N, C-alpha and C. Protein backbone atom coordinates (compact mmCIF):
# COMPACT_ATOMS: atom_id res chain seq x y z
N MET A 1 -5.37 -0.32 46.87
CA MET A 1 -5.08 -0.19 45.49
C MET A 1 -5.18 1.23 45.03
N ASN A 2 -4.13 1.71 44.58
CA ASN A 2 -4.23 3.15 44.21
C ASN A 2 -3.40 3.07 42.84
N THR A 3 -4.12 3.03 41.71
CA THR A 3 -3.54 3.01 40.31
C THR A 3 -3.72 4.23 39.56
N PRO A 4 -2.89 4.60 38.74
CA PRO A 4 -3.04 5.82 37.79
C PRO A 4 -4.56 5.76 37.08
N ALA A 5 -4.80 4.45 36.67
CA ALA A 5 -6.12 4.38 35.89
C ALA A 5 -7.14 4.71 36.72
N MET A 6 -7.26 4.36 38.11
CA MET A 6 -8.27 4.66 38.92
C MET A 6 -8.46 6.15 39.16
N LEU A 7 -7.07 6.74 39.30
CA LEU A 7 -7.10 8.16 39.44
C LEU A 7 -7.70 8.97 38.28
N TRP A 8 -7.33 8.59 37.11
CA TRP A 8 -7.89 9.19 35.96
C TRP A 8 -9.14 9.00 35.57
N THR A 9 -9.78 7.66 35.97
CA THR A 9 -11.13 7.42 35.67
C THR A 9 -11.95 8.27 36.61
N GLY A 10 -11.47 8.41 37.85
CA GLY A 10 -12.10 9.30 38.98
C GLY A 10 -12.05 10.69 38.55
N ARG A 11 -11.10 11.19 38.08
CA ARG A 11 -11.04 12.64 37.55
C ARG A 11 -11.98 12.85 36.36
N THR A 12 -12.01 11.72 35.37
CA THR A 12 -13.00 11.94 34.29
C THR A 12 -14.29 11.94 34.69
N LEU A 13 -14.72 11.11 35.61
CA LEU A 13 -16.21 11.13 36.12
C LEU A 13 -16.51 12.29 36.91
N THR A 14 -15.42 12.73 37.68
CA THR A 14 -15.74 14.17 38.34
C THR A 14 -15.81 15.28 37.30
N GLY A 15 -15.04 15.32 36.28
CA GLY A 15 -14.98 16.34 35.32
C GLY A 15 -16.32 16.32 34.63
N LEU A 16 -16.82 15.01 34.15
CA LEU A 16 -18.11 14.83 33.57
C LEU A 16 -19.36 15.37 34.39
N PHE A 17 -19.34 14.98 35.62
CA PHE A 17 -20.33 15.33 36.66
C PHE A 17 -20.27 16.95 36.72
N ALA A 18 -19.24 17.53 36.85
CA ALA A 18 -19.13 19.03 37.16
C ALA A 18 -19.47 19.73 35.71
N LEU A 19 -19.23 19.18 34.58
CA LEU A 19 -19.60 19.88 33.26
C LEU A 19 -20.99 19.74 33.18
N PHE A 20 -21.64 18.58 33.48
CA PHE A 20 -23.15 18.27 33.29
C PHE A 20 -23.75 19.23 34.29
N LEU A 21 -23.26 19.32 35.46
CA LEU A 21 -24.07 20.27 36.37
C LEU A 21 -24.02 21.63 36.02
N LEU A 22 -22.76 22.08 35.58
CA LEU A 22 -22.69 23.46 35.15
C LEU A 22 -23.53 23.78 34.10
N GLY A 23 -23.61 22.92 32.90
CA GLY A 23 -24.21 23.23 31.72
C GLY A 23 -25.93 23.06 31.93
N ALA A 24 -26.25 21.95 32.74
CA ALA A 24 -27.57 21.73 32.63
C ALA A 24 -28.50 22.26 33.83
N SER A 25 -27.77 22.74 34.82
CA SER A 25 -28.40 23.15 35.97
C SER A 25 -27.98 24.52 36.50
N ILE A 26 -26.71 24.70 36.80
CA ILE A 26 -26.17 25.95 37.41
C ILE A 26 -26.30 27.16 36.43
N ALA A 27 -25.53 26.92 35.22
CA ALA A 27 -25.69 28.04 34.25
C ALA A 27 -27.11 28.68 33.90
N PRO A 28 -28.07 27.85 33.66
CA PRO A 28 -29.36 28.43 33.35
C PRO A 28 -29.78 29.18 34.47
N LYS A 29 -29.73 28.79 35.73
CA LYS A 29 -30.16 29.31 36.86
C LYS A 29 -29.40 30.78 37.05
N LEU A 30 -28.09 30.64 37.02
CA LEU A 30 -27.47 31.94 37.37
C LEU A 30 -27.54 32.83 36.28
N LEU A 31 -27.82 32.44 34.90
CA LEU A 31 -27.86 33.44 33.87
C LEU A 31 -29.49 33.96 33.65
N HIS A 32 -30.17 33.59 34.57
CA HIS A 32 -31.76 33.81 34.50
C HIS A 32 -32.38 33.36 33.29
N LEU A 33 -32.02 32.48 32.70
CA LEU A 33 -32.62 31.82 31.36
C LEU A 33 -34.08 31.47 31.83
N PRO A 34 -34.97 31.62 30.87
CA PRO A 34 -36.45 31.48 31.20
C PRO A 34 -36.59 30.11 31.45
N VAL A 35 -36.01 29.13 30.91
CA VAL A 35 -36.12 27.70 31.10
C VAL A 35 -35.99 27.33 32.35
N ALA A 36 -35.15 28.09 33.21
CA ALA A 36 -34.76 27.73 34.45
C ALA A 36 -35.87 28.12 35.39
N GLU A 37 -36.58 29.31 35.17
CA GLU A 37 -37.68 29.70 35.90
C GLU A 37 -38.86 28.99 35.63
N GLU A 38 -39.02 28.52 34.30
CA GLU A 38 -40.19 27.78 33.85
C GLU A 38 -40.19 26.53 34.47
N THR A 39 -39.05 25.75 34.62
CA THR A 39 -38.90 24.58 35.15
C THR A 39 -39.19 24.53 36.64
N MET A 40 -38.54 25.53 37.32
CA MET A 40 -38.87 25.67 38.85
C MET A 40 -40.48 25.88 39.09
N ALA A 41 -41.03 26.62 38.16
CA ALA A 41 -42.41 26.97 38.35
C ALA A 41 -43.37 25.83 38.19
N ALA A 42 -42.93 24.91 37.22
CA ALA A 42 -43.55 23.69 36.99
C ALA A 42 -43.47 22.63 38.03
N LEU A 43 -42.39 22.73 38.93
CA LEU A 43 -42.18 21.94 39.99
C LEU A 43 -42.75 22.61 41.33
N GLY A 44 -43.34 23.70 41.28
CA GLY A 44 -44.11 24.26 42.33
C GLY A 44 -43.20 25.36 43.04
N TRP A 45 -41.97 25.79 42.62
CA TRP A 45 -41.38 26.75 43.12
C TRP A 45 -41.70 28.10 42.88
N PRO A 46 -41.88 28.90 43.89
CA PRO A 46 -42.31 30.40 43.66
C PRO A 46 -41.29 31.03 42.79
N PRO A 47 -41.62 32.17 42.00
CA PRO A 47 -40.71 32.90 41.14
C PRO A 47 -39.63 33.47 41.99
N GLY A 48 -38.16 33.35 41.41
CA GLY A 48 -37.15 34.02 42.20
C GLY A 48 -36.16 33.20 42.91
N TYR A 49 -36.56 31.85 43.12
CA TYR A 49 -35.62 30.88 43.95
C TYR A 49 -34.60 30.29 43.05
N ALA A 50 -34.78 30.30 41.55
CA ALA A 50 -33.75 29.70 40.77
C ALA A 50 -32.38 30.31 40.95
N PHE A 51 -32.23 31.52 41.06
CA PHE A 51 -30.90 32.09 41.10
C PHE A 51 -30.26 31.62 42.49
N MET A 52 -30.85 31.72 43.53
CA MET A 52 -30.23 31.21 44.89
C MET A 52 -29.90 29.75 44.96
N ILE A 53 -30.74 29.02 44.29
CA ILE A 53 -30.58 27.46 44.24
C ILE A 53 -29.37 27.28 43.33
N GLY A 54 -29.24 28.07 42.27
CA GLY A 54 -28.04 27.96 41.26
C GLY A 54 -26.71 28.50 42.02
N LEU A 55 -26.66 29.52 42.97
CA LEU A 55 -25.57 29.67 43.89
C LEU A 55 -25.25 28.66 44.87
N ILE A 56 -26.24 27.94 45.34
CA ILE A 56 -26.00 26.98 46.26
C ILE A 56 -25.41 25.79 45.68
N GLU A 57 -25.90 25.46 44.51
CA GLU A 57 -25.37 24.43 43.66
C GLU A 57 -23.85 24.55 43.26
N LEU A 58 -23.54 25.85 42.86
CA LEU A 58 -22.28 26.31 42.60
C LEU A 58 -21.33 26.17 43.71
N ALA A 59 -21.75 26.57 44.90
CA ALA A 59 -20.82 26.41 46.07
C ALA A 59 -20.62 25.07 46.37
N CYS A 60 -21.65 24.15 46.46
CA CYS A 60 -21.39 22.73 46.60
C CYS A 60 -20.61 22.15 45.57
N LEU A 61 -20.61 22.61 44.37
CA LEU A 61 -19.62 21.96 43.20
C LEU A 61 -18.27 22.41 43.43
N VAL A 62 -18.07 23.68 43.86
CA VAL A 62 -16.65 24.14 44.02
C VAL A 62 -16.07 23.45 45.35
N LEU A 63 -16.86 23.27 46.19
CA LEU A 63 -16.32 22.42 47.45
C LEU A 63 -16.00 21.06 46.99
N TYR A 64 -16.77 20.48 46.02
CA TYR A 64 -16.58 19.01 45.65
C TYR A 64 -15.22 18.88 44.85
N LEU A 65 -15.06 19.99 44.10
CA LEU A 65 -13.86 19.91 43.12
C LEU A 65 -12.59 20.20 43.75
N ILE A 66 -12.54 20.89 45.05
CA ILE A 66 -11.27 21.12 45.74
C ILE A 66 -11.01 19.85 46.43
N PRO A 67 -9.82 19.36 46.29
CA PRO A 67 -9.54 18.04 47.03
C PRO A 67 -9.56 18.08 48.63
N ARG A 68 -9.21 19.13 49.15
CA ARG A 68 -9.23 19.23 50.58
C ARG A 68 -10.86 19.21 51.21
N THR A 69 -11.60 19.66 50.44
CA THR A 69 -13.05 19.85 50.72
C THR A 69 -13.92 18.90 49.90
N SER A 70 -13.53 17.98 49.19
CA SER A 70 -14.21 17.12 48.29
C SER A 70 -15.23 16.46 49.00
N ALA A 71 -15.06 15.81 50.12
CA ALA A 71 -15.90 14.94 50.80
C ALA A 71 -17.10 15.73 51.37
N PHE A 72 -16.71 16.97 51.87
CA PHE A 72 -17.72 17.85 52.45
C PHE A 72 -18.51 18.30 51.34
N GLY A 73 -18.10 18.72 50.09
CA GLY A 73 -18.86 19.19 49.22
C GLY A 73 -19.79 18.12 48.58
N ALA A 74 -19.32 16.75 48.69
CA ALA A 74 -20.16 15.68 48.26
C ALA A 74 -21.32 15.47 48.89
N VAL A 75 -21.13 15.62 50.37
CA VAL A 75 -22.09 15.42 51.33
C VAL A 75 -23.14 16.46 51.26
N LEU A 76 -22.67 17.77 50.92
CA LEU A 76 -23.66 18.90 50.74
C LEU A 76 -24.35 18.72 49.49
N MET A 77 -23.60 18.34 48.37
CA MET A 77 -24.30 18.01 47.13
C MET A 77 -25.42 16.99 47.23
N MET A 78 -25.18 16.00 47.98
CA MET A 78 -26.32 14.93 48.25
C MET A 78 -27.31 15.43 48.96
N GLY A 79 -27.11 16.49 49.91
CA GLY A 79 -28.37 17.03 50.50
C GLY A 79 -29.25 17.85 49.36
N LEU A 80 -28.58 18.45 48.56
CA LEU A 80 -29.20 19.27 47.53
C LEU A 80 -29.93 18.27 46.63
N LEU A 81 -29.12 17.09 46.17
CA LEU A 81 -29.96 16.22 45.28
C LEU A 81 -30.98 15.58 45.95
N GLY A 82 -30.97 15.23 47.34
CA GLY A 82 -32.03 14.77 48.16
C GLY A 82 -33.25 15.78 47.96
N GLY A 83 -33.09 17.01 48.09
CA GLY A 83 -34.16 17.93 47.98
C GLY A 83 -34.74 17.95 46.70
N ALA A 84 -33.88 17.85 45.55
CA ALA A 84 -34.38 17.77 44.32
C ALA A 84 -35.32 16.57 44.03
N MET A 85 -34.84 15.35 44.67
CA MET A 85 -35.66 14.17 44.59
C MET A 85 -36.96 14.38 45.25
N ALA A 86 -36.91 14.99 46.52
CA ALA A 86 -38.18 15.35 47.22
C ALA A 86 -39.10 16.22 46.37
N THR A 87 -38.61 17.14 45.61
CA THR A 87 -39.33 18.09 44.87
C THR A 87 -40.11 17.19 43.70
N GLN A 88 -39.39 16.29 43.14
CA GLN A 88 -39.79 15.55 42.02
C GLN A 88 -40.87 14.49 42.39
N ILE A 89 -40.72 14.09 43.65
CA ILE A 89 -41.69 13.19 44.21
C ILE A 89 -42.93 14.04 44.45
N ARG A 90 -42.87 15.21 45.15
CA ARG A 90 -43.95 16.12 45.34
C ARG A 90 -44.69 16.55 44.29
N ALA A 91 -43.95 16.65 43.12
CA ALA A 91 -44.64 17.02 41.80
C ALA A 91 -45.23 15.94 41.03
N GLY A 92 -45.07 14.66 41.52
CA GLY A 92 -45.65 13.57 41.06
C GLY A 92 -45.04 13.02 39.59
N ASN A 93 -43.78 13.23 39.50
CA ASN A 93 -43.03 12.91 38.31
C ASN A 93 -42.73 11.52 38.19
N PRO A 94 -42.36 10.88 37.07
CA PRO A 94 -42.10 9.36 37.00
C PRO A 94 -40.77 9.04 37.80
N LEU A 95 -40.90 7.80 38.42
CA LEU A 95 -39.85 7.31 39.13
C LEU A 95 -38.57 7.29 38.57
N PHE A 96 -38.33 6.37 37.48
CA PHE A 96 -36.93 6.21 37.10
C PHE A 96 -36.31 7.35 36.23
N SER A 97 -37.24 8.11 35.46
CA SER A 97 -36.50 9.16 34.73
C SER A 97 -36.50 10.55 35.31
N HIS A 98 -37.26 10.80 36.37
CA HIS A 98 -37.32 11.99 37.00
C HIS A 98 -36.73 11.92 38.57
N ILE A 99 -37.37 11.17 39.33
CA ILE A 99 -37.17 11.04 40.81
C ILE A 99 -35.91 10.46 41.09
N LEU A 100 -35.66 9.21 40.39
CA LEU A 100 -34.41 8.77 40.81
C LEU A 100 -33.07 9.33 40.12
N PHE A 101 -33.27 10.33 39.22
CA PHE A 101 -32.19 11.02 38.44
C PHE A 101 -31.21 11.58 39.50
N SER A 102 -31.70 12.19 40.45
CA SER A 102 -30.72 12.76 41.47
C SER A 102 -29.97 11.66 42.17
N LEU A 103 -30.58 10.52 42.33
CA LEU A 103 -29.80 9.37 42.85
C LEU A 103 -28.65 8.86 41.82
N TYR A 104 -28.92 8.83 40.56
CA TYR A 104 -28.05 8.52 39.46
C TYR A 104 -26.93 9.49 39.59
N LEU A 105 -27.31 10.89 39.68
CA LEU A 105 -26.13 11.79 39.80
C LEU A 105 -25.24 11.60 40.92
N GLY A 106 -25.87 11.31 42.11
CA GLY A 106 -25.06 11.36 43.34
C GLY A 106 -24.26 10.00 43.26
N LEU A 107 -24.69 8.92 42.73
CA LEU A 107 -23.92 7.68 42.41
C LEU A 107 -22.57 7.94 41.58
N PHE A 108 -22.85 8.78 40.55
CA PHE A 108 -21.80 9.07 39.56
C PHE A 108 -20.80 10.04 40.28
N MET A 109 -21.33 10.94 41.03
CA MET A 109 -20.36 11.94 41.86
C MET A 109 -19.53 11.03 42.85
N TRP A 110 -20.27 10.24 43.56
CA TRP A 110 -19.49 9.47 44.78
C TRP A 110 -18.47 8.59 43.97
N GLY A 111 -18.94 7.96 42.81
CA GLY A 111 -18.00 7.02 42.15
C GLY A 111 -16.66 7.69 41.75
N GLY A 112 -16.83 9.06 41.32
CA GLY A 112 -15.69 9.66 40.92
C GLY A 112 -14.80 10.08 42.15
N LEU A 113 -15.25 10.49 43.08
CA LEU A 113 -14.68 10.77 44.34
C LEU A 113 -13.99 9.52 45.06
N TRP A 114 -14.77 8.41 44.96
CA TRP A 114 -14.17 7.18 45.56
C TRP A 114 -12.93 6.82 44.69
N LEU A 115 -12.97 6.85 43.38
CA LEU A 115 -11.84 6.35 42.47
C LEU A 115 -10.74 7.39 42.67
N ARG A 116 -10.79 8.49 42.93
CA ARG A 116 -9.70 9.56 42.96
C ARG A 116 -9.24 9.95 44.36
N ASP A 117 -9.91 9.32 45.44
CA ASP A 117 -9.44 9.64 46.73
C ASP A 117 -9.10 8.45 47.63
N PRO A 118 -8.02 8.08 47.86
CA PRO A 118 -7.72 6.92 48.60
C PRO A 118 -8.27 6.84 49.98
N ARG A 119 -8.51 7.98 50.72
CA ARG A 119 -8.99 8.13 51.99
C ARG A 119 -10.47 7.74 51.94
N LEU A 120 -11.15 7.81 50.91
CA LEU A 120 -12.60 7.47 50.82
C LEU A 120 -12.58 5.89 50.50
N ARG A 121 -11.65 5.51 49.79
CA ARG A 121 -11.57 3.96 49.49
C ARG A 121 -11.29 3.25 50.67
N ALA A 122 -10.42 3.88 51.61
CA ALA A 122 -10.05 3.16 53.00
C ALA A 122 -11.20 3.28 53.69
N LEU A 123 -12.08 4.12 53.73
CA LEU A 123 -13.28 4.22 54.57
C LEU A 123 -14.30 3.31 54.03
N PHE A 124 -14.48 3.23 52.71
CA PHE A 124 -15.56 2.40 51.99
C PHE A 124 -14.90 1.40 51.20
N PRO A 125 -14.25 0.44 51.76
CA PRO A 125 -13.63 -0.60 50.76
C PRO A 125 -14.52 -1.52 50.05
N VAL A 126 -14.02 -2.06 49.04
CA VAL A 126 -14.80 -3.00 48.25
C VAL A 126 -14.31 -4.38 48.69
N ALA A 127 -15.06 -5.24 49.38
CA ALA A 127 -14.63 -6.39 49.92
C ALA A 127 -14.54 -7.57 48.77
N ARG A 128 -13.49 -8.18 48.68
CA ARG A 128 -13.21 -9.22 47.84
C ARG A 128 -13.58 -10.70 48.23
N ASP A 129 -13.53 -10.79 49.52
CA ASP A 129 -13.94 -12.14 50.16
C ASP A 129 -15.37 -12.01 50.64
N PRO A 130 -16.10 -13.16 50.42
CA PRO A 130 -17.48 -13.24 51.02
C PRO A 130 -17.32 -13.22 52.54
N ILE A 131 -18.44 -12.74 53.08
CA ILE A 131 -18.47 -12.83 54.59
C ILE A 131 -18.88 -13.98 55.15
């Protein structure tokens, strides 16, 4: 099934994911905002890593937004989100609000891609009949 509603819902989810990541994570790191360095320091990262992580996030996001490389970008982004989750675990932060937030973002990202890409829906179909 490939309906215009699925396509536009997928594009909307993808756009919201991209805007959130740009505003909440990438821009503060690339603009050297104090909140980025303070947050990274609170998580145990040495000074100076925020900018490089911001560049990696931006590269993954660009790959995710380009239709031909969207699946590759999503896989790379999940690796990045997994690292963020591991950092939250190591810092001893709360499970549902901090540790699993990367999982929530990943599900949102993959949901947008699944809705807008028929190849991904063919690879991971939603079964209607019970097995």
